[in-house]
Amino acid sequence: MTRPKPKPTPDDVYRACPGCEAQVILSVGSARLDKLARDGQIERYREGRDWRYPLQSLLKYQARKVAEAIGKRPVGRPRKVAPTTAAEQAGA
């Protein structure tokens, strides 16, 4: 059973999350999170030995991904279409 993602409050938007929380918020693994940060898609900074991810940066990334996904066909098998023959196409 999966846990519901915590909804940020206005005060939380300015806080920074450790990597484990950022992974839960974005539903990605540690390697993908590091790649997003290296590519500049999300921000991060060092605090001691740990990386911190500003929550505002994570929410902006989520909003961009949702905006990109709107209007796209869902991933899956293509629709089955009945094959047409040349005689059917000529008659239509």
PDB file of N, CA and C in Angstrom:
ATOM      1  N   MET A   1       0.841  -1.170   0.000  1.00  0.00           N
ATOM      2  CA  MET A   1       0.000   0.000   0.000  1.00  0.00           C
ATOM      3  C   MET A   1       0.888   1.236   0.000  1.00  0.00           C
ATOM      4  N   THR A   2       0.581   2.198  -0.857  1.00  0.00           N
ATOM      5  CA  THR A   2       1.405   3.398  -0.936  1.00  0.00           C
ATOM      6  C   THR A   2       0.834   4.488  -0.054  1.00  0.00           C
ATOM      7  N   ARG A   3       1.718   5.292   0.449  1.00  0.00           N
ATOM      8  CA  ARG A   3       1.314   6.409   1.285  1.00  0.00           C
ATOM      9  C   ARG A   3       0.899   7.578   0.400  1.00  0.00           C
ATOM     10  N   PRO A   4      -0.087   8.336   0.810  1.00  0.00           N
ATOM     11  CA  PRO A   4      -0.409   9.542   0.048  1.00  0.00           C
ATOM     12  C   PRO A   4       0.714  10.562   0.215  1.00  0.00           C
ATOM     13  N   LYS A   5       0.989  11.306  -0.854  1.00  0.00           N
ATOM     14  CA  LYS A   5       2.055  12.306  -0.789  1.00  0.00           C
ATOM     15  C   LYS A   5       1.596  13.479   0.077  1.00  0.00           C
ATOM     16  N   PRO A   6       2.499  13.987   0.904  1.00  0.00           N
ATOM     17  CA  PRO A   6       2.109  15.117   1.749  1.00  0.00           C
ATOM     18  C   PRO A   6       1.874  16.363   0.900  1.00  0.00           C
ATOM     19  N   LYS A   7       0.817  17.113   1.233  1.00  0.00           N
ATOM     20  CA  LYS A   7       0.539  18.352   0.524  1.00  0.00           C
ATOM     21  C   LYS A   7       1.296  19.476   1.220  1.00  0.00           C
ATOM     22  N   PRO A   8       2.044  20.280   0.458  1.00  0.00           N
ATOM     23  CA  PRO A   8       2.824  21.340   1.090  1.00  0.00           C
ATOM     24  C   PRO A   8       1.946  22.501   1.559  1.00  0.00           C
ATOM     25  N   THR A   9       2.299  23.054   2.696  1.00  0.00           N
ATOM     26  CA  THR A   9       1.643  24.252   3.199  1.00  0.00           C
ATOM     27  C   THR A   9       2.453  25.451   2.718  1.00  0.00           C
ATOM     28  N   PRO A  10       1.926  26.669   2.818  1.00  0.00           N
ATOM     29  CA  PRO A  10       2.693  27.837   2.351  1.00  0.00           C
ATOM     30  C   PRO A  10       4.066  27.964   3.008  1.00  0.00           C
ATOM     31  N   ASP A  11       4.189  27.579   4.268  1.00  0.00           N
ATOM     32  CA  ASP A  11       5.493  27.666   4.938  1.00  0.00           C
ATOM     33  C   ASP A  11       6.457  26.608   4.405  1.00  0.00           C
ATOM     34  N   ASP A  12       5.937  25.482   3.973  1.00  0.00           N
ATOM     35  CA  ASP A  12       6.784  24.398   3.492  1.00  0.00           C
ATOM     36  C   ASP A  12       7.410  24.692   2.139  1.00  0.00           C
ATOM     37  N   VAL A  13       6.817  25.585   1.368  1.00  0.00           N
ATOM     38  CA  VAL A  13       7.306  25.836   0.009  1.00  0.00           C
ATOM     39  C   VAL A  13       8.743  26.347   0.048  1.00  0.00           C
ATOM     40  N   TYR A  14       9.126  27.034   1.110  1.00  0.00           N
ATOM     41  CA  TYR A  14      10.464  27.608   1.192  1.00  0.00           C
ATOM     42  C   TYR A  14      11.465  26.705   1.900  1.00  0.00           C
ATOM     43  N   ARG A  15      11.034  25.539   2.308  1.00  0.00           N
ATOM     44  CA  ARG A  15      11.966  24.649   2.996  1.00  0.00           C
ATOM     45  C   ARG A  15      12.682  23.749   1.987  1.00  0.00           C
ATOM     46  N   ALA A  16      13.728  23.120   2.436  1.00  0.00           N
ATOM     47  CA  ALA A  16      14.489  22.206   1.592  1.00  0.00           C
ATOM     48  C   ALA A  16      14.319  20.785   2.103  1.00  0.00           C
ATOM     49  N   CYS A  17      14.247  19.853   1.171  1.00  0.00           N
ATOM     50  CA  CYS A  17      14.027  18.448   1.521  1.00  0.00           C
ATOM     51  C   CYS A  17      15.323  17.665   1.369  1.00  0.00           C
ATOM     52  N   PRO A  18      15.546  16.691   2.230  1.00  0.00           N
ATOM     53  CA  PRO A  18      16.651  15.774   1.980  1.00  0.00           C
ATOM     54  C   PRO A  18      16.305  14.893   0.776  1.00  0.00           C
ATOM     55  N   GLY A  19      17.283  14.183   0.279  1.00  0.00           N
ATOM     56  CA  GLY A  19      17.094  13.357  -0.907  1.00  0.00           C
ATOM     57  C   GLY A  19      15.981  12.340  -0.794  1.00  0.00           C
ATOM     58  N   CYS A  20      15.837  11.716   0.377  1.00  0.00           N
ATOM     59  CA  CYS A  20      14.812  10.681   0.528  1.00  0.00           C
ATOM     60  C   CYS A  20      13.405  11.263   0.397  1.00  0.00           C
ATOM     61  N   GLU A  21      13.186  12.469   0.911  1.00  0.00           N
ATOM     62  CA  GLU A  21      11.876  13.102   0.775  1.00  0.00           C
ATOM     63  C   GLU A  21      11.630  13.546  -0.660  1.00  0.00           C
ATOM     64  N   ALA A  22      12.666  14.052  -1.314  1.00  0.00           N
ATOM     65  CA  ALA A  22      12.543  14.493  -2.708  1.00  0.00           C
ATOM     66  C   ALA A  22      12.187  13.312  -3.611  1.00  0.00           C
ATOM     67  N   GLN A  23      12.756  12.149  -3.314  1.00  0.00           N
ATOM     68  CA  GLN A  23      12.438  10.950  -4.099  1.00  0.00           C
ATOM     69  C   GLN A  23      10.968  10.591  -3.961  1.00  0.00           C
ATOM     70  N   VAL A  24      10.419  10.704  -2.762  1.00  0.00           N
ATOM     71  CA  VAL A  24       9.014  10.376  -2.526  1.00  0.00           C
ATOM     72  C   VAL A  24       8.115  11.392  -3.231  1.00  0.00           C
ATOM     73  N   ILE A  25       8.458  12.672  -3.142  1.00  0.00           N
ATOM     74  CA  ILE A  25       7.641  13.720  -3.745  1.00  0.00           C
ATOM     75  C   ILE A  25       7.571  13.549  -5.256  1.00  0.00           C
ATOM     76  N   LEU A  26       8.724  13.243  -5.887  1.00  0.00           N
ATOM     77  CA  LEU A  26       8.754  13.112  -7.347  1.00  0.00           C
ATOM     78  C   LEU A  26       8.501  11.684  -7.834  1.00  0.00           C
ATOM     79  N   SER A  27       8.448  10.738  -6.935  1.00  0.00           N
ATOM     80  CA  SER A  27       8.274   9.316  -7.282  1.00  0.00           C
ATOM     81  C   SER A  27       9.379   8.829  -8.216  1.00  0.00           C
ATOM     82  N   VAL A  28      10.606   9.123  -7.847  1.00  0.00           N
ATOM     83  CA  VAL A  28      11.771   8.681  -8.614  1.00  0.00           C
ATOM     84  C   VAL A  28      12.781   8.061  -7.661  1.00  0.00           C
ATOM     85  N   GLY A  29      13.755   7.383  -8.206  1.00  0.00           N
ATOM     86  CA  GLY A  29      14.827   6.805  -7.409  1.00  0.00           C
ATOM     87  C   GLY A  29      15.973   7.783  -7.237  1.00  0.00           C
ATOM     88  N   SER A  30      16.983   7.367  -6.503  1.00  0.00           N
ATOM     89  CA  SER A  30      18.108   8.260  -6.208  1.00  0.00           C
ATOM     90  C   SER A  30      18.915   8.589  -7.463  1.00  0.00           C
ATOM     91  N   ALA A  31      19.098   7.624  -8.350  1.00  0.00           N
ATOM     92  CA  ALA A  31      19.870   7.878  -9.573  1.00  0.00           C
ATOM     93  C   ALA A  31      19.157   8.890 -10.466  1.00  0.00           C
ATOM     94  N   ARG A  32      17.845   8.751 -10.595  1.00  0.00           N
ATOM     95  CA  ARG A  32      17.070   9.679 -11.428  1.00  0.00           C
ATOM     96  C   ARG A  32      17.071  11.074 -10.810  1.00  0.00           C
ATOM     97  N   LEU A  33      16.981  11.157  -9.492  1.00  0.00           N
ATOM     98  CA  LEU A  33      17.003  12.444  -8.800  1.00  0.00           C
ATOM     99  C   LEU A  33      18.339  13.142  -9.039  1.00  0.00           C
ATOM    100  N   ASP A  34      19.445  12.406  -8.935  1.00  0.00           N
ATOM    101  CA  ASP A  34      20.765  12.981  -9.193  1.00  0.00           C
ATOM    102  C   ASP A  34      20.887  13.450 -10.636  1.00  0.00           C
ATOM    103  N   LYS A  35      20.342  12.687 -11.576  1.00  0.00           N
ATOM    104  CA  LYS A  35      20.416  13.061 -12.988  1.00  0.00           C
ATOM    105  C   LYS A  35      19.619  14.333 -13.254  1.00  0.00           C
ATOM    106  N   LEU A  36      18.443  14.454 -12.649  1.00  0.00           N
ATOM    107  CA  LEU A  36      17.637  15.666 -12.815  1.00  0.00           C
ATOM    108  C   LEU A  36      18.391  16.890 -12.297  1.00  0.00           C
ATOM    109  N   ALA A  37      19.086  16.731 -11.172  1.00  0.00           N
ATOM    110  CA  ALA A  37      19.841  17.842 -10.594  1.00  0.00           C
ATOM    111  C   ALA A  37      21.060  18.183 -11.455  1.00  0.00           C
ATOM    112  N   ARG A  38      21.763  17.168 -11.933  1.00  0.00           N
ATOM    113  CA  ARG A  38      22.934  17.421 -12.790  1.00  0.00           C
ATOM    114  C   ARG A  38      22.542  18.103 -14.093  1.00  0.00           C
ATOM    115  N   ASP A  39      21.374  17.732 -14.634  1.00  0.00           N
ATOM    116  CA  ASP A  39      20.901  18.320 -15.886  1.00  0.00           C
ATOM    117  C   ASP A  39      20.299  19.712 -15.687  1.00  0.00           C
ATOM    118  N   GLY A  40      20.160  20.144 -14.441  1.00  0.00           N
ATOM    119  CA  GLY A  40      19.638  21.471 -14.158  1.00  0.00           C
ATOM    120  C   GLY A  40      18.123  21.570 -14.161  1.00  0.00           C
ATOM    121  N   GLN A  41      17.440  20.439 -14.147  1.00  0.00           N
ATOM    122  CA  GLN A  41      15.977  20.473 -14.150  1.00  0.00           C
ATOM    123  C   GLN A  41      15.412  20.766 -12.765  1.00  0.00           C
ATOM    124  N   ILE A  42      16.163  20.413 -11.725  1.00  0.00           N
ATOM    125  CA  ILE A  42      15.799  20.788 -10.355  1.00  0.00           C
ATOM    126  C   ILE A  42      17.042  21.341  -9.679  1.00  0.00           C
ATOM    127  N   GLU A  43      16.836  22.130  -8.639  1.00  0.00           N
ATOM    128  CA  GLU A  43      17.964  22.727  -7.914  1.00  0.00           C
ATOM    129  C   GLU A  43      18.332  21.862  -6.715  1.00  0.00           C
ATOM    130  N   ARG A  44      19.587  21.983  -6.303  1.00  0.00           N
ATOM    131  CA  ARG A  44      20.027  21.327  -5.071  1.00  0.00           C
ATOM    132  C   ARG A  44      21.244  22.060  -4.545  1.00  0.00           C
ATOM    133  N   TYR A  45      21.521  21.877  -3.269  1.00  0.00           N
ATOM    134  CA  TYR A  45      22.718  22.462  -2.677  1.00  0.00           C
ATOM    135  C   TYR A  45      23.224  21.523  -1.596  1.00  0.00           C
ATOM    136  N   ARG A  46      24.485  21.687  -1.257  1.00  0.00           N
ATOM    137  CA  ARG A  46      25.140  20.849  -0.269  1.00  0.00           C
ATOM    138  C   ARG A  46      24.943  21.416   1.122  1.00  0.00           C
ATOM    139  N   GLU A  47      24.607  20.564   2.056  1.00  0.00           N
ATOM    140  CA  GLU A  47      24.548  20.947   3.460  1.00  0.00           C
ATOM    141  C   GLU A  47      25.295  19.862   4.227  1.00  0.00           C
ATOM    142  N   GLY A  48      26.548  20.153   4.553  1.00  0.00           N
ATOM    143  CA  GLY A  48      27.400  19.117   5.153  1.00  0.00           C
ATOM    144  C   GLY A  48      27.709  18.058   4.107  1.00  0.00           C
ATOM    145  N   ARG A  49      27.383  16.813   4.405  1.00  0.00           N
ATOM    146  CA  ARG A  49      27.608  15.728   3.449  1.00  0.00           C
ATOM    147  C   ARG A  49      26.374  15.417   2.613  1.00  0.00           C
ATOM    148  N   ASP A  50      25.259  16.045   2.946  1.00  0.00           N
ATOM    149  CA  ASP A  50      23.992  15.722   2.288  1.00  0.00           C
ATOM    150  C   ASP A  50      23.609  16.770   1.251  1.00  0.00           C
ATOM    151  N   TRP A  51      22.823  16.329   0.274  1.00  0.00           N
ATOM    152  CA  TRP A  51      22.236  17.238  -0.702  1.00  0.00           C
ATOM    153  C   TRP A  51      20.849  17.623  -0.204  1.00  0.00           C
ATOM    154  N   ARG A  52      20.486  18.876  -0.389  1.00  0.00           N
ATOM    155  CA  ARG A  52      19.156  19.375  -0.053  1.00  0.00           C
ATOM    156  C   ARG A  52      18.504  19.892  -1.336  1.00  0.00           C
ATOM    157  N   TYR A  53      17.218  19.619  -1.455  1.00  0.00           N
ATOM    158  CA  TYR A  53      16.457  20.001  -2.634  1.00  0.00           C
ATOM    159  C   TYR A  53      15.354  20.958  -2.213  1.00  0.00           C
ATOM    160  N   PRO A  54      15.380  22.214  -2.685  1.00  0.00           N
ATOM    161  CA  PRO A  54      14.311  23.152  -2.319  1.00  0.00           C
ATOM    162  C   PRO A  54      12.955  22.643  -2.800  1.00  0.00           C
ATOM    163  N   LEU A  55      11.976  22.644  -1.920  1.00  0.00           N
ATOM    164  CA  LEU A  55      10.654  22.130  -2.245  1.00  0.00           C
ATOM    165  C   LEU A  55      10.038  22.902  -3.402  1.00  0.00           C
ATOM    166  N   GLN A  56      10.273  24.189  -3.457  1.00  0.00           N
ATOM    167  CA  GLN A  56       9.732  25.012  -4.538  1.00  0.00           C
ATOM    168  C   GLN A  56      10.250  24.528  -5.894  1.00  0.00           C
ATOM    169  N   SER A  57      11.510  24.127  -5.960  1.00  0.00           N
ATOM    170  CA  SER A  57      12.089  23.613  -7.199  1.00  0.00           C
ATOM    171  C   SER A  57      11.434  22.290  -7.601  1.00  0.00           C
ATOM    172  N   LEU A  58      11.166  21.437  -6.611  1.00  0.00           N
ATOM    173  CA  LEU A  58      10.531  20.151  -6.890  1.00  0.00           C
ATOM    174  C   LEU A  58       9.101  20.348  -7.407  1.00  0.00           C
ATOM    175  N   LEU A  59       8.368  21.296  -6.797  1.00  0.00           N
ATOM    176  CA  LEU A  59       6.995  21.549  -7.216  1.00  0.00           C
ATOM    177  C   LEU A  59       6.940  22.153  -8.618  1.00  0.00           C
ATOM    178  N   LYS A  60       7.905  23.011  -8.951  1.00  0.00           N
ATOM    179  CA  LYS A  60       7.964  23.574 -10.304  1.00  0.00           C
ATOM    180  C   LYS A  60       8.232  22.481 -11.329  1.00  0.00           C
ATOM    181  N   TYR A  61       9.121  21.554 -10.993  1.00  0.00           N
ATOM    182  CA  TYR A  61       9.414  20.442 -11.898  1.00  0.00           C
ATOM    183  C   TYR A  61       8.161  19.596 -12.122  1.00  0.00           C
ATOM    184  N   GLN A  62       7.435  19.304 -11.044  1.00  0.00           N
ATOM    185  CA  GLN A  62       6.196  18.532 -11.158  1.00  0.00           C
ATOM    186  C   GLN A  62       5.190  19.247 -12.052  1.00  0.00           C
ATOM    187  N   ALA A  63       5.053  20.553 -11.882  1.00  0.00           N
ATOM    188  CA  ALA A  63       4.097  21.321 -12.683  1.00  0.00           C
ATOM    189  C   ALA A  63       4.481  21.293 -14.164  1.00  0.00           C
ATOM    190  N   ARG A  64       5.781  21.385 -14.451  1.00  0.00           N
ATOM    191  CA  ARG A  64       6.233  21.310 -15.860  1.00  0.00           C
ATOM    192  C   ARG A  64       5.892  19.961 -16.459  1.00  0.00           C
ATOM    193  N   LYS A  65       6.123  18.900 -15.711  1.00  0.00           N
ATOM    194  CA  LYS A  65       5.851  17.553 -16.219  1.00  0.00           C
ATOM    195  C   LYS A  65       4.365  17.328 -16.448  1.00  0.00           C
ATOM    196  N   VAL A  66       3.522  17.841 -15.570  1.00  0.00           N
ATOM    197  CA  VAL A  66       2.077  17.697 -15.742  1.00  0.00           C
ATOM    198  C   VAL A  66       1.630  18.473 -16.976  1.00  0.00           C
ATOM    199  N   ALA A  67       2.177  19.687 -17.155  1.00  0.00           N
ATOM    200  CA  ALA A  67       1.805  20.498 -18.315  1.00  0.00           C
ATOM    201  C   ALA A  67       2.216  19.815 -19.619  1.00  0.00           C
ATOM    202  N   GLU A  68       3.371  19.159 -19.612  1.00  0.00           N
ATOM    203  CA  GLU A  68       3.830  18.439 -20.813  1.00  0.00           C
ATOM    204  C   GLU A  68       2.940  17.236 -21.098  1.00  0.00           C
ATOM    205  N   ALA A  69       2.442  16.597 -20.047  1.00  0.00           N
ATOM    206  CA  ALA A  69       1.674  15.367 -20.218  1.00  0.00           C
ATOM    207  C   ALA A  69       0.237  15.619 -20.686  1.00  0.00           C
ATOM    208  N   ILE A  70      -0.260  16.830 -20.482  1.00  0.00           N
ATOM    209  CA  ILE A  70      -1.639  17.123 -20.890  1.00  0.00           C
ATOM    210  C   ILE A  70      -1.729  17.057 -22.406  1.00  0.00           C
ATOM    211  N   GLY A  71      -2.679  16.311 -22.872  1.00  0.00           N
ATOM    212  CA  GLY A  71      -2.891  16.200 -24.306  1.00  0.00           C
ATOM    213  C   GLY A  71      -2.133  15.063 -24.962  1.00  0.00           C
ATOM    214  N   LYS A  72      -1.210  14.462 -24.263  1.00  0.00           N
ATOM    215  CA  LYS A  72      -0.478  13.328 -24.830  1.00  0.00           C
ATOM    216  C   LYS A  72      -1.296  12.059 -24.675  1.00  0.00           C
ATOM    217  N   ARG A  73      -1.156  11.176 -25.629  1.00  0.00           N
ATOM    218  CA  ARG A  73      -1.832   9.885 -25.562  1.00  0.00           C
ATOM    219  C   ARG A  73      -1.131   9.043 -24.501  1.00  0.00           C
ATOM    220  N   PRO A  74      -1.878   8.331 -23.672  1.00  0.00           N
ATOM    221  CA  PRO A  74      -1.243   7.502 -22.655  1.00  0.00           C
ATOM    222  C   PRO A  74      -0.372   6.409 -23.279  1.00  0.00           C
ATOM    223  N   VAL A  75       0.663   6.044 -22.575  1.00  0.00           N
ATOM    224  CA  VAL A  75       1.571   5.011 -23.045  1.00  0.00           C
ATOM    225  C   VAL A  75       0.880   3.661 -22.937  1.00  0.00           C
ATOM    226  N   GLY A  76       1.055   2.850 -23.909  1.00  0.00           N
ATOM    227  CA  GLY A  76       0.451   1.522 -23.888  1.00  0.00           C
ATOM    228  C   GLY A  76       0.467   0.925 -25.284  1.00  0.00           C
ATOM    229  N   ARG A  77      -0.272  -0.127 -25.454  1.00  0.00           N
ATOM    230  CA  ARG A  77      -0.336  -0.771 -26.762  1.00  0.00           C
ATOM    231  C   ARG A  77      -1.140   0.095 -27.724  1.00  0.00           C
ATOM    232  N   PRO A  78      -0.756   0.087 -28.996  1.00  0.00           N
ATOM    233  CA  PRO A  78      -1.533   0.858 -29.970  1.00  0.00           C
ATOM    234  C   PRO A  78      -2.901   0.214 -30.197  1.00  0.00           C
ATOM    235  N   ARG A  79      -3.831   1.012 -30.668  1.00  0.00           N
ATOM    236  CA  ARG A  79      -5.164   0.492 -30.936  1.00  0.00           C
ATOM    237  C   ARG A  79      -5.122  -0.501 -32.075  1.00  0.00           C
ATOM    238  N   LYS A  80      -5.988  -1.487 -31.985  1.00  0.00           N
ATOM    239  CA  LYS A  80      -6.098  -2.455 -33.075  1.00  0.00           C
ATOM    240  C   LYS A  80      -6.988  -1.844 -34.146  1.00  0.00           C
ATOM    241  N   VAL A  81      -6.504  -1.848 -35.369  1.00  0.00           N
ATOM    242  CA  VAL A  81      -7.262  -1.322 -36.497  1.00  0.00           C
ATOM    243  C   VAL A  81      -7.422  -2.452 -37.495  1.00  0.00           C
ATOM    244  N   ALA A  82      -8.627  -2.615 -37.985  1.00  0.00           N
ATOM    245  CA  ALA A  82      -8.888  -3.673 -38.956  1.00  0.00           C
ATOM    246  C   ALA A  82      -8.096  -3.381 -40.226  1.00  0.00           C
ATOM    247  N   PRO A  83      -7.397  -4.368 -40.759  1.00  0.00           N
ATOM    248  CA  PRO A  83      -6.633  -4.120 -41.979  1.00  0.00           C
ATOM    249  C   PRO A  83      -7.579  -3.855 -43.141  1.00  0.00           C
ATOM    250  N   THR A  84      -7.202  -2.902 -43.961  1.00  0.00           N
ATOM    251  CA  THR A  84      -8.012  -2.589 -45.139  1.00  0.00           C
ATOM    252  C   THR A  84      -7.321  -3.133 -46.370  1.00  0.00           C
ATOM    253  N   THR A  85      -8.107  -3.579 -47.294  1.00  0.00           N
ATOM    254  CA  THR A  85      -7.559  -4.089 -48.559  1.00  0.00           C
ATOM    255  C   THR A  85      -7.673  -3.015 -49.621  1.00  0.00           C
ATOM    256  N   ALA A  86      -7.006  -3.214 -50.722  1.00  0.00           N
ATOM    257  CA  ALA A  86      -7.029  -2.227 -51.808  1.00  0.00           C
ATOM    258  C   ALA A  86      -8.440  -2.112 -52.386  1.00  0.00           C
ATOM    259  N   ALA A  87      -9.185  -3.238 -52.431  1.00  0.00           N
ATOM    260  CA  ALA A  87     -10.554  -3.212 -52.985  1.00  0.00           C
ATOM    261  C   ALA A  87     -11.478  -2.383 -52.094  1.00  0.00           C
ATOM    262  N   GLU A  88     -11.305  -2.477 -50.769  1.00  0.00           N
ATOM    263  CA  GLU A  88     -12.143  -1.689 -49.854  1.00  0.00           C
ATOM    264  C   GLU A  88     -11.839  -0.206 -49.975  1.00  0.00           C
ATOM    265  N   GLN A  89     -10.541   0.117 -50.125  1.00  0.00           N
ATOM    266  CA  GLN A  89     -10.167   1.515 -50.249  1.00  0.00           C
ATOM    267  C   GLN A  89     -10.677   2.106 -51.556  1.00  0.00           C
ATOM    268  N   ALA A  90     -10.676   1.324 -52.647  1.00  0.00           N
ATOM    269  CA  ALA A  90     -11.134   1.818 -53.952  1.00  0.00           C
ATOM    270  C   ALA A  90     -12.644   2.037 -53.932  1.00  0.00           C
ATOM    271  N   GLY A  91     -13.385   1.181 -53.225  1.00  0.00           N
ATOM    272  CA  GLY A  91     -14.831   1.288 -53.154  1.00  0.00           C
ATOM    273  C   GLY A  91     -15.295   2.404 -52.242  1.00  0.00           C
ATOM    274  N   ALA A  92     -14.487   2.822 -51.323  1.00  0.00           N
ATOM    275  CA  ALA A  92     -14.911   3.848 -50.356  1.00  0.00           C
ATOM    276  C   ALA A  92     -14.770   5.238 -50.880  1.00  0.00           C
TER     277      ALA A  92
END
